[in-house]
Amino acid sequence: MSMKGKVVFVSGGSRGIGLATAIRFSREGCNIVITGKTSTTHPKLPGTIHSAAQECLDNGASGALAVPCDIRDEKQVVEAVAKAVERFGGIDVLLNNASAISLTPTTETDSKMFDLMNQINLRGTWLVTKYCIPHLIASAKRGRNPHVVNMCPPITLEPETIGGKTAYMMAKYGMSLQVLGHSVELKEHGVGVNGIWPMYPIWTAALKNRLGMEASWAMKPDIHADAIYTIVNQPSTEYTGNLTIDTAILASQGITDLTPYQIDPTRSAPSLEEARFGASKAHTFALPGKKVLLRPSTDLLARSRSSL
């Protein structure tokens, strides 16, 4: 099924994974709705919702709409969804990408950051999904194969996986629980709901500014964009309720050489012991049955070191 003309609603689409994924769908001729708080140039963060929308148009999007939206504000969410539907006539794909992160133990996590992560990751994702649901159901009725994809980890009760970043994992698991719950609620309507999580760190502004990680052994956002593209092209009535890992999704497409996705292809990727971030080694999920990728994307954000 062609993606051309489909409407993709992206929360947190100004940069990083959200922007890379928006560009990936732009190249298929989709209509892209970019939402986020950055409507004017930020001193520490590259890109705005307006520059992101222009990049989508430059990469082949049938249309692009930038909508300022703080997903903590219910009124703004309602207005953003309404503007998307007014412009493009509906919503076919929802990518819940907006997120806040602080990988700190409880004693080093202040209440303001705790509230921020739960307001954006948990509550914000729920609000955006809630107000998109009627339009996703309408998309299913029109046979447009609607999907919701949350950026969230597989759920594990292994203490070692949660410890050291308890507040963050609580907020992210809230998004994971929504995948499980919403997949049941929307199954009868033919809307697919899945979660995706990276095997390796992905080079974004959060990793650079908040976590202080090096770019050299991280992956480009393209790796997640390709995995999301694969999920959204699966039959929505069949592929739903999964908490997935990007590298496994790509492996299902025959892509196992991850070198093209590495920021520094000359450096060996970290071992799985180092890489698994919030995912149990024992976690399993259904793999996509439909092959839709011919080759890895490698240039969605050509300036990967700076355009985060």
C-alpha atoms as a PDB file:
ATOM      1  CA  MET A   1       0.000   0.000   0.000  1.00  0.00           C
ATOM      2  CA  SER A   2       1.380   3.380  -0.989  1.00  0.00           C
ATOM      3  CA  MET A   3       2.033   5.935   1.743  1.00  0.00           C
ATOM      4  CA  LYS A   4       1.548   8.854  -0.657  1.00  0.00           C
ATOM      5  CA  GLY A   5      -0.982  11.337   0.658  1.00  0.00           C
ATOM      6  CA  LYS A   6      -1.257   9.790   4.100  1.00  0.00           C
ATOM      7  CA  VAL A   7      -1.284  12.155   7.062  1.00  0.00           C
ATOM      8  CA  VAL A   8       1.469  11.633   9.654  1.00  0.00           C
ATOM      9  CA  PHE A   9       1.133  13.514  12.963  1.00  0.00           C
ATOM     10  CA  VAL A  10       4.448  13.829  14.819  1.00  0.00           C
ATOM     11  CA  SER A  11       4.777  15.098  18.387  1.00  0.00           C
ATOM     12  CA  GLY A  12       8.201  16.581  19.093  1.00  0.00           C
ATOM     13  CA  GLY A  13       9.165  16.821  15.434  1.00  0.00           C
ATOM     14  CA  SER A  14      11.566  19.758  15.455  1.00  0.00           C
ATOM     15  CA  ARG A  15      14.747  17.682  15.498  1.00  0.00           C
ATOM     16  CA  GLY A  16      16.291  14.282  16.150  1.00  0.00           C
ATOM     17  CA  ILE A  17      14.222  11.124  15.786  1.00  0.00           C
ATOM     18  CA  GLY A  18      10.980  13.014  15.226  1.00  0.00           C
ATOM     19  CA  LEU A  19      12.417  15.049  12.353  1.00  0.00           C
ATOM     20  CA  ALA A  20      14.270  12.108  10.787  1.00  0.00           C
ATOM     21  CA  THR A  21      11.086  10.044  10.811  1.00  0.00           C
ATOM     22  CA  ALA A  22       9.071  12.921   9.382  1.00  0.00           C
ATOM     23  CA  ILE A  23      11.590  13.231   6.543  1.00  0.00           C
ATOM     24  CA  ARG A  24      11.461   9.462   5.975  1.00  0.00           C
ATOM     25  CA  PHE A  25       7.698   9.686   5.442  1.00  0.00           C
ATOM     26  CA  SER A  26       8.084  12.887   3.428  1.00  0.00           C
ATOM     27  CA  ARG A  27      10.095  10.961   0.870  1.00  0.00           C
ATOM     28  CA  GLU A  28       7.054   8.742   0.399  1.00  0.00           C
ATOM     29  CA  GLY A  29       4.874  11.758  -0.397  1.00  0.00           C
ATOM     30  CA  CYS A  30       3.035  11.904   2.919  1.00  0.00           C
ATOM     31  CA  ASN A  31       1.444  14.964   4.473  1.00  0.00           C
ATOM     32  CA  ILE A  32       3.362  15.789   7.635  1.00  0.00           C
ATOM     33  CA  VAL A  33       2.149  17.563  10.758  1.00  0.00           C
ATOM     34  CA  ILE A  34       5.056  18.757  12.894  1.00  0.00           C
ATOM     35  CA  THR A  35       4.191  19.731  16.465  1.00  0.00           C
ATOM     36  CA  GLY A  36       6.462  20.914  19.245  1.00  0.00           C
ATOM     37  CA  LYS A  37       7.283  23.765  21.592  1.00  0.00           C
ATOM     38  CA  THR A  38      10.180  25.198  19.556  1.00  0.00           C
ATOM     39  CA  SER A  39       8.501  27.734  17.288  1.00  0.00           C
ATOM     40  CA  THR A  40      11.379  30.225  17.439  1.00  0.00           C
ATOM     41  CA  THR A  41      15.132  29.632  17.374  1.00  0.00           C
ATOM     42  CA  HIS A  42      16.447  28.176  20.628  1.00  0.00           C
ATOM     43  CA  PRO A  43      19.994  29.094  21.762  1.00  0.00           C
ATOM     44  CA  LYS A  44      20.915  25.490  22.587  1.00  0.00           C
ATOM     45  CA  LEU A  45      18.673  23.472  20.282  1.00  0.00           C
ATOM     46  CA  PRO A  46      18.856  23.352  16.484  1.00  0.00           C
ATOM     47  CA  GLY A  47      15.732  23.685  14.389  1.00  0.00           C
ATOM     48  CA  THR A  48      12.149  24.796  14.914  1.00  0.00           C
ATOM     49  CA  ILE A  49       8.801  23.307  13.952  1.00  0.00           C
ATOM     50  CA  HIS A  50       8.805  25.689  10.980  1.00  0.00           C
ATOM     51  CA  SER A  51      12.264  24.710   9.719  1.00  0.00           C
ATOM     52  CA  ALA A  52      11.294  21.046  10.195  1.00  0.00           C
ATOM     53  CA  ALA A  53       8.135  21.513   8.124  1.00  0.00           C
ATOM     54  CA  GLN A  54      10.198  23.155   5.375  1.00  0.00           C
ATOM     55  CA  GLU A  55      12.663  20.251   5.425  1.00  0.00           C
ATOM     56  CA  CYS A  56       9.729  17.893   4.958  1.00  0.00           C
ATOM     57  CA  LEU A  57       8.576  19.842   1.907  1.00  0.00           C
ATOM     58  CA  ASP A  58      12.136  19.908   0.571  1.00  0.00           C
ATOM     59  CA  ASN A  59      12.201  16.115   0.857  1.00  0.00           C
ATOM     60  CA  GLY A  60       9.019  15.461  -1.080  1.00  0.00           C
ATOM     61  CA  ALA A  61       6.168  15.798   1.384  1.00  0.00           C
ATOM     62  CA  SER A  62       2.818  16.383  -0.308  1.00  0.00           C
ATOM     63  CA  GLY A  63       2.163  18.973   2.380  1.00  0.00           C
ATOM     64  CA  ALA A  64       3.567  20.044   5.733  1.00  0.00           C
ATOM     65  CA  LEU A  65       2.019  21.883   8.646  1.00  0.00           C
ATOM     66  CA  ALA A  66       3.872  23.283  11.670  1.00  0.00           C
ATOM     67  CA  VAL A  67       1.713  23.606  14.787  1.00  0.00           C
ATOM     68  CA  PRO A  68       3.055  25.001  18.080  1.00  0.00           C
ATOM     69  CA  CYS A  69       1.951  22.570  20.765  1.00  0.00           C
ATOM     70  CA  ASP A  70       2.995  21.843  24.323  1.00  0.00           C
ATOM     71  CA  ILE A  71       1.434  18.418  24.819  1.00  0.00           C
ATOM     72  CA  ARG A  72       1.108  19.091  28.543  1.00  0.00           C
ATOM     73  CA  ASP A  73      -1.644  21.568  27.667  1.00  0.00           C
ATOM     74  CA  GLU A  74      -4.885  19.783  26.750  1.00  0.00           C
ATOM     75  CA  LYS A  75      -6.299  22.806  24.928  1.00  0.00           C
ATOM     76  CA  GLN A  76      -3.199  23.045  22.732  1.00  0.00           C
ATOM     77  CA  VAL A  77      -3.424  19.342  21.906  1.00  0.00           C
ATOM     78  CA  VAL A  78      -7.079  19.662  20.916  1.00  0.00           C
ATOM     79  CA  GLU A  79      -6.260  22.658  18.716  1.00  0.00           C
ATOM     80  CA  ALA A  80      -3.248  20.949  17.083  1.00  0.00           C
ATOM     81  CA  VAL A  81      -5.280  17.875  16.153  1.00  0.00           C
ATOM     82  CA  ALA A  82      -8.100  20.066  14.837  1.00  0.00           C
ATOM     83  CA  LYS A  83      -5.682  22.082  12.667  1.00  0.00           C
ATOM     84  CA  ALA A  84      -4.190  18.891  11.242  1.00  0.00           C
ATOM     85  CA  VAL A  85      -7.611  17.533  10.330  1.00  0.00           C
ATOM     86  CA  GLU A  86      -8.724  20.868   8.921  1.00  0.00           C
ATOM     87  CA  ARG A  87      -5.665  21.071   6.659  1.00  0.00           C
ATOM     88  CA  PHE A  88      -5.354  17.460   5.531  1.00  0.00           C
ATOM     89  CA  GLY A  89      -8.765  15.897   6.177  1.00  0.00           C
ATOM     90  CA  GLY A  90      -7.723  13.338   8.783  1.00  0.00           C
ATOM     91  CA  ILE A  91      -4.877  11.530  10.554  1.00  0.00           C
ATOM     92  CA  ASP A  92      -3.507   8.153   9.443  1.00  0.00           C
ATOM     93  CA  VAL A  93      -0.327   7.785  11.491  1.00  0.00           C
ATOM     94  CA  LEU A  94       0.460   9.109  14.961  1.00  0.00           C
ATOM     95  CA  LEU A  95       4.048   9.137  16.174  1.00  0.00           C
ATOM     96  CA  ASN A  96       4.248   9.884  19.902  1.00  0.00           C
ATOM     97  CA  ASN A  97       7.845  11.044  19.980  1.00  0.00           C
ATOM     98  CA  ALA A  98       7.830  14.059  22.344  1.00  0.00           C
ATOM     99  CA  SER A  99       9.651  13.159  25.529  1.00  0.00           C
ATOM    100  CA  ALA A 100      11.678  14.425  28.481  1.00  0.00           C
ATOM    101  CA  ILE A 101      14.635  12.535  29.895  1.00  0.00           C
ATOM    102  CA  SER A 102      16.764  12.464  33.025  1.00  0.00           C
ATOM    103  CA  LEU A 103      18.700   9.273  33.710  1.00  0.00           C
ATOM    104  CA  THR A 104      19.268  10.010  37.376  1.00  0.00           C
ATOM    105  CA  PRO A 105      18.695   8.085  40.601  1.00  0.00           C
ATOM    106  CA  THR A 106      15.939   9.246  42.913  1.00  0.00           C
ATOM    107  CA  THR A 107      18.181  11.324  45.194  1.00  0.00           C
ATOM    108  CA  GLU A 108      19.442  13.267  42.166  1.00  0.00           C
ATOM    109  CA  THR A 109      16.052  13.772  40.496  1.00  0.00           C
ATOM    110  CA  ASP A 110      14.227  16.880  41.642  1.00  0.00           C
ATOM    111  CA  SER A 111      10.442  17.011  41.751  1.00  0.00           C
ATOM    112  CA  LYS A 112      10.331  19.485  38.873  1.00  0.00           C
ATOM    113  CA  MET A 113      12.033  17.003  36.552  1.00  0.00           C
ATOM    114  CA  PHE A 114       9.868  14.156  37.861  1.00  0.00           C
ATOM    115  CA  ASP A 115       6.757  16.180  37.046  1.00  0.00           C
ATOM    116  CA  LEU A 116       8.101  17.204  33.634  1.00  0.00           C
ATOM    117  CA  MET A 117       8.799  13.618  32.568  1.00  0.00           C
ATOM    118  CA  ASN A 118       5.414  12.386  33.710  1.00  0.00           C
ATOM    119  CA  GLN A 119       3.541  15.345  32.239  1.00  0.00           C
ATOM    120  CA  ILE A 120       5.166  14.935  28.816  1.00  0.00           C
ATOM    121  CA  ASN A 121       5.939  11.234  28.490  1.00  0.00           C
ATOM    122  CA  LEU A 122       2.921   9.795  30.275  1.00  0.00           C
ATOM    123  CA  ARG A 123       0.129  12.367  30.309  1.00  0.00           C
ATOM    124  CA  GLY A 124       1.078  14.153  27.092  1.00  0.00           C
ATOM    125  CA  THR A 125       1.228  10.942  25.089  1.00  0.00           C
ATOM    126  CA  TRP A 126      -2.154   9.914  26.485  1.00  0.00           C
ATOM    127  CA  LEU A 127      -3.697  13.277  25.567  1.00  0.00           C
ATOM    128  CA  VAL A 128      -2.391  13.268  21.997  1.00  0.00           C
ATOM    129  CA  THR A 129      -3.541   9.691  21.464  1.00  0.00           C
ATOM    130  CA  LYS A 130      -6.955  10.372  23.002  1.00  0.00           C
ATOM    131  CA  TYR A 131      -7.727  13.222  20.620  1.00  0.00           C
ATOM    132  CA  CYS A 132      -6.305  11.455  17.572  1.00  0.00           C
ATOM    133  CA  ILE A 133      -8.310   8.262  18.157  1.00  0.00           C
ATOM    134  CA  PRO A 134     -11.531   9.383  16.410  1.00  0.00           C
ATOM    135  CA  HIS A 135      -9.548  10.328  13.318  1.00  0.00           C
ATOM    136  CA  LEU A 136      -7.527   7.108  13.356  1.00  0.00           C
ATOM    137  CA  ILE A 137     -10.760   5.110  13.531  1.00  0.00           C
ATOM    138  CA  ALA A 138     -12.102   7.146  10.612  1.00  0.00           C
ATOM    139  CA  SER A 139      -8.886   6.353   8.731  1.00  0.00           C
ATOM    140  CA  ALA A 140      -9.453   2.633   9.339  1.00  0.00           C
ATOM    141  CA  LYS A 141     -12.978   2.887   7.979  1.00  0.00           C
ATOM    142  CA  ARG A 142     -11.515   4.353   4.809  1.00  0.00           C
ATOM    143  CA  GLY A 143      -9.045   1.465   4.541  1.00  0.00           C
ATOM    144  CA  ARG A 144      -5.966   3.635   5.104  1.00  0.00           C
ATOM    145  CA  ASN A 145      -4.115   1.258   7.484  1.00  0.00           C
ATOM    146  CA  PRO A 146      -3.792   3.586  10.528  1.00  0.00           C
ATOM    147  CA  HIS A 147      -1.054   3.159  13.120  1.00  0.00           C
ATOM    148  CA  VAL A 148       0.081   4.636  16.420  1.00  0.00           C
ATOM    149  CA  VAL A 149       3.759   4.306  17.329  1.00  0.00           C
ATOM    150  CA  ASN A 150       5.005   5.283  20.800  1.00  0.00           C
ATOM    151  CA  MET A 151       8.665   5.829  21.605  1.00  0.00           C
ATOM    152  CA  CYS A 152       8.795   3.583  24.655  1.00  0.00           C
ATOM    153  CA  PRO A 153      10.658   0.572  26.053  1.00  0.00           C
ATOM    154  CA  PRO A 154       9.645  -3.026  26.545  1.00  0.00           C
ATOM    155  CA  ILE A 155       8.366  -3.533  30.081  1.00  0.00           C
ATOM    156  CA  THR A 156      10.560  -5.537  32.422  1.00  0.00           C
ATOM    157  CA  LEU A 157      10.382  -5.987  36.166  1.00  0.00           C
ATOM    158  CA  GLU A 158      14.113  -6.587  36.430  1.00  0.00           C
ATOM    159  CA  PRO A 159      15.234  -4.217  39.214  1.00  0.00           C
ATOM    160  CA  GLU A 160      18.634  -3.628  37.625  1.00  0.00           C
ATOM    161  CA  THR A 161      17.018  -2.306  34.463  1.00  0.00           C
ATOM    162  CA  ILE A 162      14.878   0.206  36.344  1.00  0.00           C
ATOM    163  CA  GLY A 163      17.276   1.224  39.091  1.00  0.00           C
ATOM    164  CA  GLY A 164      19.374   4.337  38.671  1.00  0.00           C
ATOM    165  CA  LYS A 165      16.757   5.970  36.449  1.00  0.00           C
ATOM    166  CA  THR A 166      13.573   5.105  38.319  1.00  0.00           C
ATOM    167  CA  ALA A 167      11.600   8.287  37.620  1.00  0.00           C
ATOM    168  CA  TYR A 168      12.365   8.152  33.910  1.00  0.00           C
ATOM    169  CA  MET A 169      11.452   4.484  33.609  1.00  0.00           C
ATOM    170  CA  MET A 170       8.188   5.093  35.470  1.00  0.00           C
ATOM    171  CA  ALA A 171       7.240   7.792  32.960  1.00  0.00           C
ATOM    172  CA  LYS A 172       8.335   5.752  29.943  1.00  0.00           C
ATOM    173  CA  TYR A 173       6.593   2.609  31.159  1.00  0.00           C
ATOM    174  CA  GLY A 174       3.443   4.724  31.221  1.00  0.00           C
ATOM    175  CA  MET A 175       3.841   5.066  27.457  1.00  0.00           C
ATOM    176  CA  SER A 176       4.474   1.323  27.152  1.00  0.00           C
ATOM    177  CA  LEU A 177       1.326   0.524  29.102  1.00  0.00           C
ATOM    178  CA  GLN A 178      -0.602   2.749  26.732  1.00  0.00           C
ATOM    179  CA  VAL A 179       0.628   0.636  23.815  1.00  0.00           C
ATOM    180  CA  LEU A 180      -0.728  -2.494  25.463  1.00  0.00           C
ATOM    181  CA  GLY A 181      -4.006  -0.919  26.530  1.00  0.00           C
ATOM    182  CA  HIS A 182      -4.709   1.085  23.399  1.00  0.00           C
ATOM    183  CA  SER A 183      -3.888  -1.865  21.156  1.00  0.00           C
ATOM    184  CA  VAL A 184      -6.768  -3.724  22.813  1.00  0.00           C
ATOM    185  CA  GLU A 185      -9.113  -0.740  22.778  1.00  0.00           C
ATOM    186  CA  LEU A 186      -8.473  -0.030  19.091  1.00  0.00           C
ATOM    187  CA  LYS A 187      -8.092  -3.562  17.731  1.00  0.00           C
ATOM    188  CA  GLU A 188     -11.767  -3.893  16.873  1.00  0.00           C
ATOM    189  CA  HIS A 189     -11.503  -0.668  14.905  1.00  0.00           C
ATOM    190  CA  GLY A 190      -8.486  -1.818  12.889  1.00  0.00           C
ATOM    191  CA  VAL A 191      -5.937   0.627  14.305  1.00  0.00           C
ATOM    192  CA  GLY A 192      -2.463  -0.765  14.988  1.00  0.00           C
ATOM    193  CA  VAL A 193      -0.662   0.391  18.141  1.00  0.00           C
ATOM    194  CA  ASN A 194       2.980  -0.465  18.794  1.00  0.00           C
ATOM    195  CA  GLY A 195       5.970   0.806  20.731  1.00  0.00           C
ATOM    196  CA  ILE A 196       9.581   1.024  19.600  1.00  0.00           C
ATOM    197  CA  TRP A 197      12.836   1.372  21.487  1.00  0.00           C
ATOM    198  CA  PRO A 198      16.485   1.671  20.409  1.00  0.00           C
ATOM    199  CA  MET A 199      19.015  -1.065  20.936  1.00  0.00           C
ATOM    200  CA  TYR A 200      21.839   1.467  20.760  1.00  0.00           C
ATOM    201  CA  PRO A 201      21.900   5.131  21.826  1.00  0.00           C
ATOM    202  CA  ILE A 202      20.658   7.464  19.110  1.00  0.00           C
ATOM    203  CA  TRP A 203      22.453  10.780  18.669  1.00  0.00           C
ATOM    204  CA  THR A 204      19.987  13.489  19.664  1.00  0.00           C
ATOM    205  CA  ALA A 205      20.049  16.800  21.482  1.00  0.00           C
ATOM    206  CA  ALA A 206      19.051  15.013  24.693  1.00  0.00           C
ATOM    207  CA  LEU A 207      22.099  12.737  24.552  1.00  0.00           C
ATOM    208  CA  LYS A 208      24.394  15.635  23.778  1.00  0.00           C
ATOM    209  CA  ASN A 209      23.055  18.314  26.120  1.00  0.00           C
ATOM    210  CA  ARG A 210      21.529  16.441  29.036  1.00  0.00           C
ATOM    211  CA  LEU A 211      23.453  13.169  29.154  1.00  0.00           C
ATOM    212  CA  GLY A 212      26.787  14.370  27.797  1.00  0.00           C
ATOM    213  CA  MET A 213      27.318  11.269  25.675  1.00  0.00           C
ATOM    214  CA  GLU A 214      29.774  10.992  22.807  1.00  0.00           C
ATOM    215  CA  ALA A 215      28.512  10.941  19.246  1.00  0.00           C
ATOM    216  CA  SER A 216      31.169   8.545  17.974  1.00  0.00           C
ATOM    217  CA  TRP A 217      29.502   5.306  19.039  1.00  0.00           C
ATOM    218  CA  ALA A 218      25.878   6.421  18.745  1.00  0.00           C
ATOM    219  CA  MET A 219      23.520   5.781  15.846  1.00  0.00           C
ATOM    220  CA  LYS A 220      21.946   8.278  13.480  1.00  0.00           C
ATOM    221  CA  PRO A 221      18.204   8.852  13.989  1.00  0.00           C
ATOM    222  CA  ASP A 222      17.766   7.181  10.584  1.00  0.00           C
ATOM    223  CA  ILE A 223      17.903   3.754  12.258  1.00  0.00           C
ATOM    224  CA  HIS A 224      14.732   4.460  14.208  1.00  0.00           C
ATOM    225  CA  ALA A 225      13.041   6.178  11.270  1.00  0.00           C
ATOM    226  CA  ASP A 226      13.499   3.093   9.091  1.00  0.00           C
ATOM    227  CA  ALA A 227      12.191   0.806  11.825  1.00  0.00           C
ATOM    228  CA  ILE A 228       9.134   3.010  12.368  1.00  0.00           C
ATOM    229  CA  TYR A 229       8.510   3.084   8.625  1.00  0.00           C
ATOM    230  CA  THR A 230       8.563  -0.716   8.624  1.00  0.00           C
ATOM    231  CA  ILE A 231       6.040  -0.943  11.468  1.00  0.00           C
ATOM    232  CA  VAL A 232       3.630   1.553   9.917  1.00  0.00           C
ATOM    233  CA  ASN A 233       3.600  -0.421   6.663  1.00  0.00           C
ATOM    234  CA  GLN A 234       2.446  -3.620   8.360  1.00  0.00           C
ATOM    235  CA  PRO A 235      -1.285  -4.482   8.279  1.00  0.00           C
ATOM    236  CA  SER A 236      -2.798  -2.502  11.151  1.00  0.00           C
ATOM    237  CA  THR A 237      -5.351  -5.233  11.834  1.00  0.00           C
ATOM    238  CA  GLU A 238      -2.588  -7.780  12.370  1.00  0.00           C
ATOM    239  CA  TYR A 239       0.540  -6.065  13.653  1.00  0.00           C
ATOM    240  CA  THR A 240      -0.413  -4.467  16.947  1.00  0.00           C
ATOM    241  CA  GLY A 241       0.329  -4.603  20.670  1.00  0.00           C
ATOM    242  CA  ASN A 242       4.092  -5.053  20.307  1.00  0.00           C
ATOM    243  CA  LEU A 243       6.861  -3.357  22.287  1.00  0.00           C
ATOM    244  CA  THR A 244       9.641  -3.616  19.740  1.00  0.00           C
ATOM    245  CA  ILE A 245      13.389  -2.999  19.334  1.00  0.00           C
ATOM    246  CA  ASP A 246      14.622  -1.128  16.253  1.00  0.00           C
ATOM    247  CA  THR A 247      17.475  -3.475  15.319  1.00  0.00           C
ATOM    248  CA  ALA A 248      15.187  -6.520  15.411  1.00  0.00           C
ATOM    249  CA  ILE A 249      12.688  -4.755  13.184  1.00  0.00           C
ATOM    250  CA  LEU A 250      15.446  -3.993  10.687  1.00  0.00           C
ATOM    251  CA  ALA A 251      16.726  -7.569  10.866  1.00  0.00           C
ATOM    252  CA  SER A 252      13.268  -8.730   9.791  1.00  0.00           C
ATOM    253  CA  GLN A 253      13.880  -6.702   6.629  1.00  0.00           C
ATOM    254  CA  GLY A 254      17.243  -8.311   6.025  1.00  0.00           C
ATOM    255  CA  ILE A 255      19.207  -5.319   7.327  1.00  0.00           C
ATOM    256  CA  THR A 256      21.765  -6.594   9.830  1.00  0.00           C
ATOM    257  CA  ASP A 257      24.809  -4.490   8.910  1.00  0.00           C
ATOM    258  CA  LEU A 258      24.296  -1.363  11.003  1.00  0.00           C
ATOM    259  CA  THR A 259      27.440   0.411   9.809  1.00  0.00           C
ATOM    260  CA  PRO A 260      25.511   2.833   7.554  1.00  0.00           C
ATOM    261  CA  TYR A 261      23.583   4.039  10.593  1.00  0.00           C
ATOM    262  CA  GLN A 262      26.600   4.714  12.795  1.00  0.00           C
ATOM    263  CA  ILE A 263      27.741   8.281  13.360  1.00  0.00           C
ATOM    264  CA  ASP A 264      31.308   6.977  13.175  1.00  0.00           C
ATOM    265  CA  PRO A 265      31.300   3.871  10.938  1.00  0.00           C
ATOM    266  CA  THR A 266      34.961   3.199  11.741  1.00  0.00           C
ATOM    267  CA  ARG A 267      34.208   2.547  15.393  1.00  0.00           C
ATOM    268  CA  SER A 268      32.813  -0.774  16.537  1.00  0.00           C
ATOM    269  CA  ALA A 269      29.325  -0.626  17.965  1.00  0.00           C
ATOM    270  CA  PRO A 270      29.106  -1.215  21.714  1.00  0.00           C
ATOM    271  CA  SER A 271      28.409  -4.720  22.876  1.00  0.00           C
ATOM    272  CA  LEU A 272      24.826  -5.673  23.594  1.00  0.00           C
ATOM    273  CA  GLU A 273      25.690  -5.711  27.281  1.00  0.00           C
ATOM    274  CA  GLU A 274      26.564  -2.029  27.033  1.00  0.00           C
ATOM    275  CA  ALA A 275      23.843  -1.124  24.601  1.00  0.00           C
ATOM    276  CA  ARG A 276      20.608  -2.466  26.021  1.00  0.00           C
ATOM    277  CA  PHE A 277      18.899   0.527  27.524  1.00  0.00           C
ATOM    278  CA  GLY A 278      15.813  -0.349  29.538  1.00  0.00           C
ATOM    279  CA  ALA A 279      15.211  -3.631  27.712  1.00  0.00           C
ATOM    280  CA  SER A 280      15.379  -7.128  29.122  1.00  0.00           C
ATOM    281  CA  LYS A 281      17.529  -9.680  27.344  1.00  0.00           C
ATOM    282  CA  ALA A 282      14.583 -12.071  27.506  1.00  0.00           C
ATOM    283  CA  HIS A 283      12.121  -9.721  25.803  1.00  0.00           C
ATOM    284  CA  THR A 284      10.414 -11.126  22.705  1.00  0.00           C
ATOM    285  CA  PHE A 285       7.792  -9.731  20.346  1.00  0.00           C
ATOM    286  CA  ALA A 286       6.218 -10.491  16.995  1.00  0.00           C
ATOM    287  CA  LEU A 287       8.362  -9.516  14.020  1.00  0.00           C
ATOM    288  CA  PRO A 288       6.880  -7.797  10.974  1.00  0.00           C
ATOM    289  CA  GLY A 289       5.881 -10.259   8.290  1.00  0.00           C
ATOM    290  CA  LYS A 290       5.791  -7.814   5.397  1.00  0.00           C
ATOM    291  CA  LYS A 291       9.060  -6.689   3.859  1.00  0.00           C
ATOM    292  CA  VAL A 292       9.050  -3.013   2.923  1.00  0.00           C
ATOM    293  CA  LEU A 293      12.700  -1.899   3.186  1.00  0.00           C
ATOM    294  CA  LEU A 294      15.128  -2.441   0.347  1.00  0.00           C
ATOM    295  CA  ARG A 295      18.090  -0.650   1.881  1.00  0.00           C
ATOM    296  CA  PRO A 296      18.929   1.443   4.954  1.00  0.00           C
ATOM    297  CA  SER A 297      18.429   5.186   4.946  1.00  0.00           C
ATOM    298  CA  THR A 298      21.692   6.992   5.578  1.00  0.00           C
ATOM    299  CA  ASP A 299      21.073  10.664   5.009  1.00  0.00           C
ATOM    300  CA  LEU A 300      17.778  11.673   6.603  1.00  0.00           C
ATOM    301  CA  LEU A 301      19.674  14.150   8.719  1.00  0.00           C
ATOM    302  CA  ALA A 302      22.770  14.683   6.634  1.00  0.00           C
ATOM    303  CA  ARG A 303      24.421  16.791   9.333  1.00  0.00           C
ATOM    304  CA  SER A 304      23.966  14.159  12.036  1.00  0.00           C
ATOM    305  CA  ARG A 305      26.611  15.639  14.290  1.00  0.00           C
ATOM    306  CA  SER A 306      24.902  19.017  14.451  1.00  0.00           C
ATOM    307  CA  SER A 307      21.337  18.704  13.164  1.00  0.00           C
ATOM    308  CA  LEU A 308      19.919  16.801  16.108  1.00  0.00           C
END
